[in-house]
């Protein structure tokens, strides 16, 4: 990110209320489709798409983006309050330089992140022709405390450390989006409701996403940098294990075989797998099987028996039990 490259990019300024301006004063056009919802439209000469802010509660915002720029864009002079960020990136490619951090943080493709910075002055470079699609939750620390004050002692050590203001240079944890997260994200994006029903629905789904991320870091130590350290080769081997599982749902390799493939012990494989995907190998396999089963039942017309065997369950009754536990309804009801 040298200055020569920055000079060729369109410069945008950003604030949480006015969103962005460019070329010295031109603002993104905006609308208010619902009470406490704001939508900004990208100018045609710059790109296409929208950025949306939903005020769940004062100091608790839900952000949605579906935008593509025609040329590289640099957001500078960002005016953002100090806040906790819980983000879920479906696609995009951008780099953020935070004040006080030596190297820029790269977001590329599908990932999730938890971040907090005492000083939010930052510069963000967005690469052109890559759709920026994300769902993000922003909470002020005092609002987070007010929402969960009766359960703060049960929060993961990292969150307690942030709330105690013990992160001088900030904190960032990145990992992959899990299948369960992906399903809730799509429900938020495709929310069919309006008015108060929409507000209740979006708040519930936002809290559901938050719970997934908090569970993922529940075993992390209080050190603000411990979660981010994984050798690239180890991460690549963990991704290879995931591909093996997804391509062999009916007859998956044993944990012993997966550990041998990854060149790790069983405990280390599960530990690293959970760090990247938020769940153990077995939990991920079960979730993928059930999500695949749901698609087969709802969209492809398979019977319950066919679906159970296709995703690797020998017992239809056992499949029905765990399906109902996961989705709140038996698979036979899906076919009604």
C-alpha atoms as a PDB file:
ATOM      1  CA  UNK A   1       0.000   0.000   0.000  1.00  0.00           C
ATOM      2  CA  UNK A   2       2.487   2.632  -1.143  1.00  0.00           C
ATOM      3  CA  UNK A   3       1.556   6.247  -1.697  1.00  0.00           C
ATOM      4  CA  UNK A   4       1.620   5.832  -5.471  1.00  0.00           C
ATOM      5  CA  UNK A   5      -1.188   3.300  -5.256  1.00  0.00           C
ATOM      6  CA  UNK A   6      -3.130   5.368  -2.741  1.00  0.00           C
ATOM      7  CA  UNK A   7      -2.923   8.396  -5.022  1.00  0.00           C
ATOM      8  CA  UNK A   8      -4.717   6.513  -7.801  1.00  0.00           C
ATOM      9  CA  UNK A   9      -7.645   5.569  -5.582  1.00  0.00           C
ATOM     10  CA  UNK A  10     -10.764   7.645  -4.930  1.00  0.00           C
ATOM     11  CA  UNK A  11     -10.587   9.266  -1.475  1.00  0.00           C
ATOM     12  CA  UNK A  12     -13.658   9.053   0.742  1.00  0.00           C
ATOM     13  CA  UNK A  13     -14.293  10.528   4.180  1.00  0.00           C
ATOM     14  CA  UNK A  14     -16.564   8.670   6.554  1.00  0.00           C
ATOM     15  CA  UNK A  15     -18.696   9.327   9.622  1.00  0.00           C
ATOM     16  CA  UNK A  16     -21.268   7.172  11.347  1.00  0.00           C
ATOM     17  CA  UNK A  17     -24.084   9.678  10.743  1.00  0.00           C
ATOM     18  CA  UNK A  18     -23.385  11.187   7.309  1.00  0.00           C
ATOM     19  CA  UNK A  19     -21.706   7.992   6.098  1.00  0.00           C
ATOM     20  CA  UNK A  20     -19.392   9.101   3.262  1.00  0.00           C
ATOM     21  CA  UNK A  21     -18.514  11.995   1.000  1.00  0.00           C
ATOM     22  CA  UNK A  22     -16.254  11.979  -2.028  1.00  0.00           C
ATOM     23  CA  UNK A  23     -14.596  14.448  -4.372  1.00  0.00           C
ATOM     24  CA  UNK A  24     -14.754  17.172  -1.777  1.00  0.00           C
ATOM     25  CA  UNK A  25     -18.393  17.221  -0.807  1.00  0.00           C
ATOM     26  CA  UNK A  26     -20.592  14.863  -2.818  1.00  0.00           C
ATOM     27  CA  UNK A  27     -22.525  12.656  -0.385  1.00  0.00           C
ATOM     28  CA  UNK A  28     -23.967   9.217  -0.950  1.00  0.00           C
ATOM     29  CA  UNK A  29     -27.741   9.596  -1.411  1.00  0.00           C
ATOM     30  CA  UNK A  30     -29.770   8.202   1.484  1.00  0.00           C
ATOM     31  CA  UNK A  31     -33.208   7.054   2.565  1.00  0.00           C
ATOM     32  CA  UNK A  32     -34.951   5.852   5.718  1.00  0.00           C
ATOM     33  CA  UNK A  33     -36.891   2.722   4.684  1.00  0.00           C
ATOM     34  CA  UNK A  34     -37.973   1.964   8.269  1.00  0.00           C
ATOM     35  CA  UNK A  35     -37.890   3.811  11.610  1.00  0.00           C
ATOM     36  CA  UNK A  36     -34.305   3.817  12.930  1.00  0.00           C
ATOM     37  CA  UNK A  37     -32.990   2.414   9.629  1.00  0.00           C
ATOM     38  CA  UNK A  38     -30.766   4.327   7.215  1.00  0.00           C
ATOM     39  CA  UNK A  39     -29.702   3.263   3.739  1.00  0.00           C
ATOM     40  CA  UNK A  40     -26.935   4.934   1.689  1.00  0.00           C
ATOM     41  CA  UNK A  41     -26.733   4.420  -2.089  1.00  0.00           C
ATOM     42  CA  UNK A  42     -23.399   4.390  -3.885  1.00  0.00           C
ATOM     43  CA  UNK A  43     -23.192   7.010  -6.689  1.00  0.00           C
ATOM     44  CA  UNK A  44     -23.231   5.396 -10.139  1.00  0.00           C
ATOM     45  CA  UNK A  45     -19.932   6.980 -11.158  1.00  0.00           C
ATOM     46  CA  UNK A  46     -18.263   5.309  -8.175  1.00  0.00           C
ATOM     47  CA  UNK A  47     -19.985   1.916  -8.103  1.00  0.00           C
ATOM     48  CA  UNK A  48     -23.298   0.294  -7.286  1.00  0.00           C
ATOM     49  CA  UNK A  49     -25.045  -1.028  -4.199  1.00  0.00           C
ATOM     50  CA  UNK A  50     -25.888   0.070  -0.675  1.00  0.00           C
ATOM     51  CA  UNK A  51     -24.705   0.347   2.913  1.00  0.00           C
ATOM     52  CA  UNK A  52     -27.396   0.051   5.577  1.00  0.00           C
ATOM     53  CA  UNK A  53     -27.474   0.884   9.281  1.00  0.00           C
ATOM     54  CA  UNK A  54     -30.167  -0.476  11.625  1.00  0.00           C
ATOM     55  CA  UNK A  55     -30.294   1.028  15.114  1.00  0.00           C
ATOM     56  CA  UNK A  56     -31.153  -2.000  17.233  1.00  0.00           C
ATOM     57  CA  UNK A  57     -30.812  -0.006  20.474  1.00  0.00           C
ATOM     58  CA  UNK A  58     -28.989   3.238  21.295  1.00  0.00           C
ATOM     59  CA  UNK A  59     -25.312   2.365  20.900  1.00  0.00           C
ATOM     60  CA  UNK A  60     -26.075  -1.022  19.300  1.00  0.00           C
ATOM     61  CA  UNK A  61     -26.129  -0.986  15.488  1.00  0.00           C
ATOM     62  CA  UNK A  62     -26.523  -3.615  12.818  1.00  0.00           C
ATOM     63  CA  UNK A  63     -24.745  -2.819   9.529  1.00  0.00           C
ATOM     64  CA  UNK A  64     -25.349  -4.490   6.178  1.00  0.00           C
ATOM     65  CA  UNK A  65     -23.384  -3.949   2.994  1.00  0.00           C
ATOM     66  CA  UNK A  66     -23.920  -5.052  -0.587  1.00  0.00           C
ATOM     67  CA  UNK A  67     -21.771  -2.765  -2.710  1.00  0.00           C
ATOM     68  CA  UNK A  68     -19.181  -2.968  -5.502  1.00  0.00           C
ATOM     69  CA  UNK A  69     -16.819  -0.118  -6.425  1.00  0.00           C
ATOM     70  CA  UNK A  70     -15.612   0.382 -10.015  1.00  0.00           C
ATOM     71  CA  UNK A  71     -12.173   1.522  -8.849  1.00  0.00           C
ATOM     72  CA  UNK A  72     -10.062   1.248  -5.718  1.00  0.00           C
ATOM     73  CA  UNK A  73     -11.392   3.392  -2.883  1.00  0.00           C
ATOM     74  CA  UNK A  74      -9.631   4.679   0.232  1.00  0.00           C
ATOM     75  CA  UNK A  75     -11.710   5.613   3.271  1.00  0.00           C
ATOM     76  CA  UNK A  76      -9.723   8.100   5.340  1.00  0.00           C
ATOM     77  CA  UNK A  77     -10.555  10.607   8.062  1.00  0.00           C
ATOM     78  CA  UNK A  78     -12.885   7.960   9.474  1.00  0.00           C
ATOM     79  CA  UNK A  79     -14.971   9.325  12.337  1.00  0.00           C
ATOM     80  CA  UNK A  80     -16.076   6.352  14.397  1.00  0.00           C
ATOM     81  CA  UNK A  81     -16.689   6.133  18.130  1.00  0.00           C
ATOM     82  CA  UNK A  82     -14.753   3.622  20.211  1.00  0.00           C
ATOM     83  CA  UNK A  83     -16.782   0.446  19.893  1.00  0.00           C
ATOM     84  CA  UNK A  84     -16.704  -3.337  19.890  1.00  0.00           C
ATOM     85  CA  UNK A  85     -17.065  -4.779  16.381  1.00  0.00           C
ATOM     86  CA  UNK A  86     -18.541  -8.216  15.638  1.00  0.00           C
ATOM     87  CA  UNK A  87     -18.349  -8.650  11.871  1.00  0.00           C
ATOM     88  CA  UNK A  88     -19.216 -11.344   9.331  1.00  0.00           C
ATOM     89  CA  UNK A  89     -17.684 -10.820   5.912  1.00  0.00           C
ATOM     90  CA  UNK A  90     -19.276 -12.811   3.078  1.00  0.00           C
ATOM     91  CA  UNK A  91     -17.119 -11.339   0.313  1.00  0.00           C
ATOM     92  CA  UNK A  92     -14.811  -8.424  -0.362  1.00  0.00           C
ATOM     93  CA  UNK A  93     -11.137  -7.541  -0.362  1.00  0.00           C
ATOM     94  CA  UNK A  94      -9.890  -4.615   1.710  1.00  0.00           C
ATOM     95  CA  UNK A  95      -7.043  -3.554   4.002  1.00  0.00           C
ATOM     96  CA  UNK A  96      -7.432  -1.493   7.188  1.00  0.00           C
ATOM     97  CA  UNK A  97      -4.552   0.410   8.803  1.00  0.00           C
ATOM     98  CA  UNK A  98      -5.364   1.089  12.469  1.00  0.00           C
ATOM     99  CA  UNK A  99      -3.561   3.784  14.402  1.00  0.00           C
ATOM    100  CA  UNK A 100      -0.892   2.183  16.591  1.00  0.00           C
ATOM    101  CA  UNK A 101      -0.842  -1.092  14.640  1.00  0.00           C
ATOM    102  CA  UNK A 102       2.282  -1.747  12.589  1.00  0.00           C
ATOM    103  CA  UNK A 103       0.784  -3.860   9.787  1.00  0.00           C
ATOM    104  CA  UNK A 104      -2.553  -3.437   7.997  1.00  0.00           C
ATOM    105  CA  UNK A 105      -5.303  -5.970   8.643  1.00  0.00           C
ATOM    106  CA  UNK A 106      -6.488  -7.765   5.516  1.00  0.00           C
ATOM    107  CA  UNK A 107     -10.044  -8.966   4.975  1.00  0.00           C
ATOM    108  CA  UNK A 108     -10.420 -11.225   1.959  1.00  0.00           C
ATOM    109  CA  UNK A 109     -13.283 -13.522   1.055  1.00  0.00           C
ATOM    110  CA  UNK A 110     -15.452 -15.121   3.702  1.00  0.00           C
ATOM    111  CA  UNK A 111     -14.402 -14.572   7.324  1.00  0.00           C
ATOM    112  CA  UNK A 112     -15.598 -13.311  10.688  1.00  0.00           C
ATOM    113  CA  UNK A 113     -13.881 -11.031  13.167  1.00  0.00           C
ATOM    114  CA  UNK A 114     -14.138  -9.565  16.657  1.00  0.00           C
ATOM    115  CA  UNK A 115     -12.353  -6.255  17.049  1.00  0.00           C
ATOM    116  CA  UNK A 116     -11.894  -3.413  19.507  1.00  0.00           C
ATOM    117  CA  UNK A 117      -9.686  -0.315  19.335  1.00  0.00           C
ATOM    118  CA  UNK A 118      -9.359   2.488  21.855  1.00  0.00           C
ATOM    119  CA  UNK A 119      -8.512   4.887  19.035  1.00  0.00           C
ATOM    120  CA  UNK A 120     -10.571   4.226  15.917  1.00  0.00           C
ATOM    121  CA  UNK A 121      -8.684   6.522  13.573  1.00  0.00           C
ATOM    122  CA  UNK A 122      -8.058   4.274  10.601  1.00  0.00           C
ATOM    123  CA  UNK A 123      -7.576   4.158   6.849  1.00  0.00           C
ATOM    124  CA  UNK A 124      -9.285   1.491   4.768  1.00  0.00           C
ATOM    125  CA  UNK A 125      -8.422   0.605   1.166  1.00  0.00           C
ATOM    126  CA  UNK A 126     -11.128  -1.315  -0.738  1.00  0.00           C
ATOM    127  CA  UNK A 127     -10.192  -3.124  -3.939  1.00  0.00           C
ATOM    128  CA  UNK A 128     -12.420  -2.563  -6.943  1.00  0.00           C
ATOM    129  CA  UNK A 129     -14.731  -5.066  -8.692  1.00  0.00           C
ATOM    130  CA  UNK A 130     -15.011  -7.288  -5.604  1.00  0.00           C
ATOM    131  CA  UNK A 131     -18.495  -7.160  -3.992  1.00  0.00           C
ATOM    132  CA  UNK A 132     -18.401  -5.956  -0.382  1.00  0.00           C
ATOM    133  CA  UNK A 133     -21.032  -8.070   1.355  1.00  0.00           C
ATOM    134  CA  UNK A 134     -21.092  -8.197   5.136  1.00  0.00           C
ATOM    135  CA  UNK A 135     -23.212  -8.109   8.276  1.00  0.00           C
ATOM    136  CA  UNK A 136     -21.636  -6.329  11.243  1.00  0.00           C
ATOM    137  CA  UNK A 137     -22.646  -5.541  14.827  1.00  0.00           C
ATOM    138  CA  UNK A 138     -21.298  -2.414  16.551  1.00  0.00           C
ATOM    139  CA  UNK A 139     -21.715  -1.997  20.310  1.00  0.00           C
ATOM    140  CA  UNK A 140     -20.343   0.719  22.536  1.00  0.00           C
ATOM    141  CA  UNK A 141     -18.650  -0.881  25.572  1.00  0.00           C
ATOM    142  CA  UNK A 142     -21.030   0.748  28.051  1.00  0.00           C
ATOM    143  CA  UNK A 143     -24.013  -0.500  26.031  1.00  0.00           C
ATOM    144  CA  UNK A 144     -22.563  -4.022  26.001  1.00  0.00           C
ATOM    145  CA  UNK A 145     -22.235  -3.833  29.802  1.00  0.00           C
ATOM    146  CA  UNK A 146     -25.806  -2.555  30.172  1.00  0.00           C
ATOM    147  CA  UNK A 147     -27.187  -5.335  27.945  1.00  0.00           C
ATOM    148  CA  UNK A 148     -25.391  -8.158  29.757  1.00  0.00           C
ATOM    149  CA  UNK A 149     -24.655  -6.701  33.200  1.00  0.00           C
ATOM    150  CA  UNK A 150     -26.098  -9.712  35.035  1.00  0.00           C
ATOM    151  CA  UNK A 151     -23.838 -12.101  33.109  1.00  0.00           C
ATOM    152  CA  UNK A 152     -20.567 -10.206  32.695  1.00  0.00           C
ATOM    153  CA  UNK A 153     -18.668 -12.638  34.930  1.00  0.00           C
ATOM    154  CA  UNK A 154     -19.681 -15.439  32.552  1.00  0.00           C
ATOM    155  CA  UNK A 155     -18.277 -13.675  29.497  1.00  0.00           C
ATOM    156  CA  UNK A 156     -15.108 -15.055  27.843  1.00  0.00           C
ATOM    157  CA  UNK A 157     -11.899 -13.720  29.453  1.00  0.00           C
ATOM    158  CA  UNK A 158     -11.056 -11.742  26.318  1.00  0.00           C
ATOM    159  CA  UNK A 159     -14.326  -9.800  26.494  1.00  0.00           C
ATOM    160  CA  UNK A 160     -13.813  -9.106  30.200  1.00  0.00           C
ATOM    161  CA  UNK A 161     -10.330  -7.830  29.394  1.00  0.00           C
ATOM    162  CA  UNK A 162     -11.701  -5.465  26.755  1.00  0.00           C
ATOM    163  CA  UNK A 163     -14.400  -4.146  29.088  1.00  0.00           C
ATOM    164  CA  UNK A 164     -11.757  -3.554  31.765  1.00  0.00           C
ATOM    165  CA  UNK A 165      -9.934  -1.381  29.186  1.00  0.00           C
ATOM    166  CA  UNK A 166      -6.831  -3.560  29.372  1.00  0.00           C
ATOM    167  CA  UNK A 167      -6.137  -3.547  25.616  1.00  0.00           C
ATOM    168  CA  UNK A 168      -3.847  -0.600  24.987  1.00  0.00           C
ATOM    169  CA  UNK A 169      -3.281  -1.318  21.301  1.00  0.00           C
ATOM    170  CA  UNK A 170      -6.613  -2.969  20.612  1.00  0.00           C
ATOM    171  CA  UNK A 171      -7.676  -6.500  19.838  1.00  0.00           C
ATOM    172  CA  UNK A 172      -8.577  -8.462  16.711  1.00  0.00           C
ATOM    173  CA  UNK A 173      -9.610 -12.103  16.345  1.00  0.00           C
ATOM    174  CA  UNK A 174     -10.319 -13.471  12.849  1.00  0.00           C
ATOM    175  CA  UNK A 175     -11.590 -16.894  11.816  1.00  0.00           C
ATOM    176  CA  UNK A 176     -13.881 -18.572   9.312  1.00  0.00           C
ATOM    177  CA  UNK A 177     -17.657 -18.222   9.248  1.00  0.00           C
ATOM    178  CA  UNK A 178     -19.365 -21.392  10.460  1.00  0.00           C
ATOM    179  CA  UNK A 179     -22.370 -22.996   8.732  1.00  0.00           C
ATOM    180  CA  UNK A 180     -24.658 -21.944  11.599  1.00  0.00           C
ATOM    181  CA  UNK A 181     -23.497 -18.337  11.290  1.00  0.00           C
ATOM    182  CA  UNK A 182     -23.998 -18.394   7.529  1.00  0.00           C
ATOM    183  CA  UNK A 183     -27.606 -19.482   7.921  1.00  0.00           C
ATOM    184  CA  UNK A 184     -28.426 -16.649  10.372  1.00  0.00           C
ATOM    185  CA  UNK A 185     -26.657 -14.116   8.139  1.00  0.00           C
ATOM    186  CA  UNK A 186     -28.849 -15.131   5.201  1.00  0.00           C
ATOM    187  CA  UNK A 187     -31.939 -14.816   7.427  1.00  0.00           C
ATOM    188  CA  UNK A 188     -30.922 -11.257   8.332  1.00  0.00           C
ATOM    189  CA  UNK A 189     -30.244 -10.309   4.707  1.00  0.00           C
ATOM    190  CA  UNK A 190     -33.545 -11.817   3.565  1.00  0.00           C
ATOM    191  CA  UNK A 191     -35.685 -10.535   6.468  1.00  0.00           C
ATOM    192  CA  UNK A 192     -39.268 -10.385   5.097  1.00  0.00           C
ATOM    193  CA  UNK A 193     -40.823  -8.367   7.938  1.00  0.00           C
ATOM    194  CA  UNK A 194     -41.661  -4.699   8.409  1.00  0.00           C
ATOM    195  CA  UNK A 195     -42.287  -2.415  11.357  1.00  0.00           C
ATOM    196  CA  UNK A 196     -41.920  -3.647  14.916  1.00  0.00           C
ATOM    197  CA  UNK A 197     -41.832  -7.292  13.776  1.00  0.00           C
ATOM    198  CA  UNK A 198     -38.759  -6.506  11.679  1.00  0.00           C
ATOM    199  CA  UNK A 199     -37.033  -4.792  14.613  1.00  0.00           C
ATOM    200  CA  UNK A 200     -37.674  -7.725  16.960  1.00  0.00           C
ATOM    201  CA  UNK A 201     -36.563 -10.241  14.332  1.00  0.00           C
ATOM    202  CA  UNK A 202     -33.330  -8.404  13.514  1.00  0.00           C
ATOM    203  CA  UNK A 203     -32.446  -7.883  17.176  1.00  0.00           C
ATOM    204  CA  UNK A 204     -32.959 -11.573  17.893  1.00  0.00           C
ATOM    205  CA  UNK A 205     -30.819 -12.651  14.946  1.00  0.00           C
ATOM    206  CA  UNK A 206     -28.110 -10.116  15.831  1.00  0.00           C
ATOM    207  CA  UNK A 207     -27.915 -11.551  19.349  1.00  0.00           C
ATOM    208  CA  UNK A 208     -27.822 -15.067  17.903  1.00  0.00           C
ATOM    209  CA  UNK A 209     -24.770 -14.142  15.805  1.00  0.00           C
ATOM    210  CA  UNK A 210     -23.171 -12.533  18.838  1.00  0.00           C
ATOM    211  CA  UNK A 211     -23.697 -15.705  20.868  1.00  0.00           C
ATOM    212  CA  UNK A 212     -21.939 -17.785  18.202  1.00  0.00           C
ATOM    213  CA  UNK A 213     -18.869 -15.551  18.312  1.00  0.00           C
ATOM    214  CA  UNK A 214     -18.741 -15.414  22.105  1.00  0.00           C
ATOM    215  CA  UNK A 215     -18.935 -19.202  22.256  1.00  0.00           C
ATOM    216  CA  UNK A 216     -16.088 -19.464  19.760  1.00  0.00           C
ATOM    217  CA  UNK A 217     -13.699 -17.486  21.974  1.00  0.00           C
ATOM    218  CA  UNK A 218     -14.914 -18.981  25.265  1.00  0.00           C
ATOM    219  CA  UNK A 219     -11.771 -21.116  25.635  1.00  0.00           C
ATOM    220  CA  UNK A 220      -9.305 -18.415  24.628  1.00  0.00           C
ATOM    221  CA  UNK A 221      -6.971 -16.974  27.289  1.00  0.00           C
ATOM    222  CA  UNK A 222      -7.283 -13.358  28.383  1.00  0.00           C
ATOM    223  CA  UNK A 223      -4.284 -12.311  26.275  1.00  0.00           C
ATOM    224  CA  UNK A 224      -5.524 -10.146  23.454  1.00  0.00           C
ATOM    225  CA  UNK A 225      -3.164 -11.630  20.886  1.00  0.00           C
ATOM    226  CA  UNK A 226      -3.294 -15.335  21.688  1.00  0.00           C
ATOM    227  CA  UNK A 227      -6.133 -16.160  19.300  1.00  0.00           C
ATOM    228  CA  UNK A 228      -4.615 -14.611  16.222  1.00  0.00           C
ATOM    229  CA  UNK A 229      -1.431 -16.701  16.178  1.00  0.00           C
ATOM    230  CA  UNK A 230      -1.608 -19.714  13.867  1.00  0.00           C
ATOM    231  CA  UNK A 231       1.027 -20.645  11.339  1.00  0.00           C
ATOM    232  CA  UNK A 232      -0.299 -20.239   7.751  1.00  0.00           C
ATOM    233  CA  UNK A 233       0.630 -23.834   6.927  1.00  0.00           C
ATOM    234  CA  UNK A 234      -1.349 -25.123   9.920  1.00  0.00           C
ATOM    235  CA  UNK A 235      -4.355 -23.072   8.853  1.00  0.00           C
ATOM    236  CA  UNK A 236      -4.049 -24.472   5.327  1.00  0.00           C
ATOM    237  CA  UNK A 237      -4.041 -28.032   6.700  1.00  0.00           C
ATOM    238  CA  UNK A 238      -7.127 -27.261   8.813  1.00  0.00           C
ATOM    239  CA  UNK A 239      -8.888 -25.958   5.695  1.00  0.00           C
ATOM    240  CA  UNK A 240      -7.930 -29.216   3.962  1.00  0.00           C
ATOM    241  CA  UNK A 241      -9.613 -31.177   6.755  1.00  0.00           C
ATOM    242  CA  UNK A 242     -12.780 -29.137   6.275  1.00  0.00           C
ATOM    243  CA  UNK A 243     -12.805 -29.877   2.536  1.00  0.00           C
ATOM    244  CA  UNK A 244     -12.419 -33.597   3.265  1.00  0.00           C
ATOM    245  CA  UNK A 245     -15.416 -33.490   5.589  1.00  0.00           C
ATOM    246  CA  UNK A 246     -17.610 -31.553   3.163  1.00  0.00           C
ATOM    247  CA  UNK A 247     -16.782 -33.891   0.271  1.00  0.00           C
ATOM    248  CA  UNK A 248     -17.384 -37.050   2.297  1.00  0.00           C
ATOM    249  CA  UNK A 249     -20.457 -36.359   4.445  1.00  0.00           C
ATOM    250  CA  UNK A 250     -21.893 -39.840   3.899  1.00  0.00           C
ATOM    251  CA  UNK A 251     -18.704 -41.718   4.853  1.00  0.00           C
ATOM    252  CA  UNK A 252     -16.333 -39.212   6.490  1.00  0.00           C
ATOM    253  CA  UNK A 253     -12.748 -40.136   7.433  1.00  0.00           C
ATOM    254  CA  UNK A 254     -12.195 -41.032  11.085  1.00  0.00           C
ATOM    255  CA  UNK A 255     -10.734 -38.451  13.446  1.00  0.00           C
ATOM    256  CA  UNK A 256      -7.556 -40.550  13.493  1.00  0.00           C
ATOM    257  CA  UNK A 257      -7.277 -40.381   9.693  1.00  0.00           C
ATOM    258  CA  UNK A 258      -8.014 -36.650   9.658  1.00  0.00           C
ATOM    259  CA  UNK A 259      -5.366 -36.013  12.305  1.00  0.00           C
ATOM    260  CA  UNK A 260      -2.851 -38.047  10.295  1.00  0.00           C
ATOM    261  CA  UNK A 261      -3.739 -36.055   7.143  1.00  0.00           C
ATOM    262  CA  UNK A 262      -3.261 -32.771   9.001  1.00  0.00           C
ATOM    263  CA  UNK A 263      -0.041 -33.977  10.647  1.00  0.00           C
ATOM    264  CA  UNK A 264      -1.387 -33.242  14.125  1.00  0.00           C
ATOM    265  CA  UNK A 265      -2.464 -35.093  17.237  1.00  0.00           C
ATOM    266  CA  UNK A 266      -6.212 -35.543  17.843  1.00  0.00           C
ATOM    267  CA  UNK A 267      -6.374 -32.851  20.569  1.00  0.00           C
ATOM    268  CA  UNK A 268      -4.396 -30.329  18.518  1.00  0.00           C
ATOM    269  CA  UNK A 269      -6.574 -30.931  15.455  1.00  0.00           C
ATOM    270  CA  UNK A 270      -9.753 -30.244  17.430  1.00  0.00           C
ATOM    271  CA  UNK A 271      -8.183 -27.223  19.128  1.00  0.00           C
ATOM    272  CA  UNK A 272      -6.981 -25.689  15.869  1.00  0.00           C
ATOM    273  CA  UNK A 273     -10.192 -26.597  14.048  1.00  0.00           C
ATOM    274  CA  UNK A 274     -12.270 -24.852  16.709  1.00  0.00           C
ATOM    275  CA  UNK A 275     -10.010 -21.803  16.554  1.00  0.00           C
ATOM    276  CA  UNK A 276     -10.646 -21.480  12.816  1.00  0.00           C
ATOM    277  CA  UNK A 277     -14.263 -22.657  12.520  1.00  0.00           C
ATOM    278  CA  UNK A 278     -15.693 -22.151  16.000  1.00  0.00           C
ATOM    279  CA  UNK A 279     -16.477 -25.827  16.665  1.00  0.00           C
ATOM    280  CA  UNK A 280     -14.804 -29.217  16.938  1.00  0.00           C
ATOM    281  CA  UNK A 281     -14.430 -31.535  13.938  1.00  0.00           C
ATOM    282  CA  UNK A 282     -17.427 -33.637  15.014  1.00  0.00           C
ATOM    283  CA  UNK A 283     -19.605 -30.583  15.643  1.00  0.00           C
ATOM    284  CA  UNK A 284     -18.744 -29.207  12.218  1.00  0.00           C
ATOM    285  CA  UNK A 285     -19.513 -32.535  10.525  1.00  0.00           C
ATOM    286  CA  UNK A 286     -22.882 -32.764  12.257  1.00  0.00           C
ATOM    287  CA  UNK A 287     -23.770 -29.165  11.372  1.00  0.00           C
ATOM    288  CA  UNK A 288     -22.790 -29.615   7.709  1.00  0.00           C
ATOM    289  CA  UNK A 289     -24.790 -32.839   7.487  1.00  0.00           C
ATOM    290  CA  UNK A 290     -27.891 -31.196   8.916  1.00  0.00           C
ATOM    291  CA  UNK A 291     -27.597 -28.095   6.731  1.00  0.00           C
ATOM    292  CA  UNK A 292     -27.188 -30.322   3.665  1.00  0.00           C
ATOM    293  CA  UNK A 293     -30.210 -32.348   4.796  1.00  0.00           C
ATOM    294  CA  UNK A 294     -32.314 -29.210   5.175  1.00  0.00           C
ATOM    295  CA  UNK A 295     -31.503 -28.180   1.603  1.00  0.00           C
ATOM    296  CA  UNK A 296     -32.332 -31.654   0.295  1.00  0.00           C
ATOM    297  CA  UNK A 297     -35.699 -31.673   2.052  1.00  0.00           C
ATOM    298  CA  UNK A 298     -36.758 -28.102   1.316  1.00  0.00           C
ATOM    299  CA  UNK A 299     -35.387 -27.552  -2.171  1.00  0.00           C
ATOM    300  CA  UNK A 300     -34.593 -30.898  -3.795  1.00  0.00           C
ATOM    301  CA  UNK A 301     -37.618 -33.015  -2.898  1.00  0.00           C
ATOM    302  CA  UNK A 302     -35.873 -35.909  -1.127  1.00  0.00           C
ATOM    303  CA  UNK A 303     -37.802 -38.024   1.369  1.00  0.00           C
ATOM    304  CA  UNK A 304     -36.736 -38.162   5.010  1.00  0.00           C
ATOM    305  CA  UNK A 305     -35.324 -41.684   4.606  1.00  0.00           C
ATOM    306  CA  UNK A 306     -33.375 -40.808   1.456  1.00  0.00           C
ATOM    307  CA  UNK A 307     -32.004 -37.668   3.068  1.00  0.00           C
ATOM    308  CA  UNK A 308     -30.881 -39.456   6.231  1.00  0.00           C
ATOM    309  CA  UNK A 309     -28.881 -42.034   4.276  1.00  0.00           C
ATOM    310  CA  UNK A 310     -27.484 -39.482   1.819  1.00  0.00           C
ATOM    311  CA  UNK A 311     -25.914 -37.424   4.637  1.00  0.00           C
ATOM    312  CA  UNK A 312     -24.547 -40.439   6.483  1.00  0.00           C
ATOM    313  CA  UNK A 313     -27.160 -41.515   9.076  1.00  0.00           C
ATOM    314  CA  UNK A 314     -28.008 -45.225   9.300  1.00  0.00           C
ATOM    315  CA  UNK A 315     -30.937 -44.609  11.660  1.00  0.00           C
ATOM    316  CA  UNK A 316     -33.817 -42.473  10.410  1.00  0.00           C
ATOM    317  CA  UNK A 317     -35.184 -42.020  13.928  1.00  0.00           C
ATOM    318  CA  UNK A 318     -31.799 -40.777  15.202  1.00  0.00           C
ATOM    319  CA  UNK A 319     -31.539 -38.423  12.234  1.00  0.00           C
ATOM    320  CA  UNK A 320     -35.026 -37.059  12.957  1.00  0.00           C
ATOM    321  CA  UNK A 321     -34.170 -36.464  16.616  1.00  0.00           C
ATOM    322  CA  UNK A 322     -31.010 -34.436  16.006  1.00  0.00           C
ATOM    323  CA  UNK A 323     -32.632 -32.605  13.078  1.00  0.00           C
ATOM    324  CA  UNK A 324     -35.465 -31.445  15.343  1.00  0.00           C
ATOM    325  CA  UNK A 325     -32.968 -30.434  18.031  1.00  0.00           C
ATOM    326  CA  UNK A 326     -31.047 -28.352  15.497  1.00  0.00           C
ATOM    327  CA  UNK A 327     -33.927 -26.679  13.642  1.00  0.00           C
ATOM    328  CA  UNK A 328     -36.851 -26.865  16.072  1.00  0.00           C
ATOM    329  CA  UNK A 329     -39.031 -29.014  13.793  1.00  0.00           C
ATOM    330  CA  UNK A 330     -38.936 -32.622  12.652  1.00  0.00           C
ATOM    331  CA  UNK A 331     -37.818 -33.271   9.049  1.00  0.00           C
ATOM    332  CA  UNK A 332     -41.224 -34.759   8.201  1.00  0.00           C
ATOM    333  CA  UNK A 333     -42.870 -31.367   8.903  1.00  0.00           C
ATOM    334  CA  UNK A 334     -40.669 -29.753   6.274  1.00  0.00           C
ATOM    335  CA  UNK A 335     -42.339 -31.921   3.643  1.00  0.00           C
ATOM    336  CA  UNK A 336     -45.907 -30.987   4.638  1.00  0.00           C
END
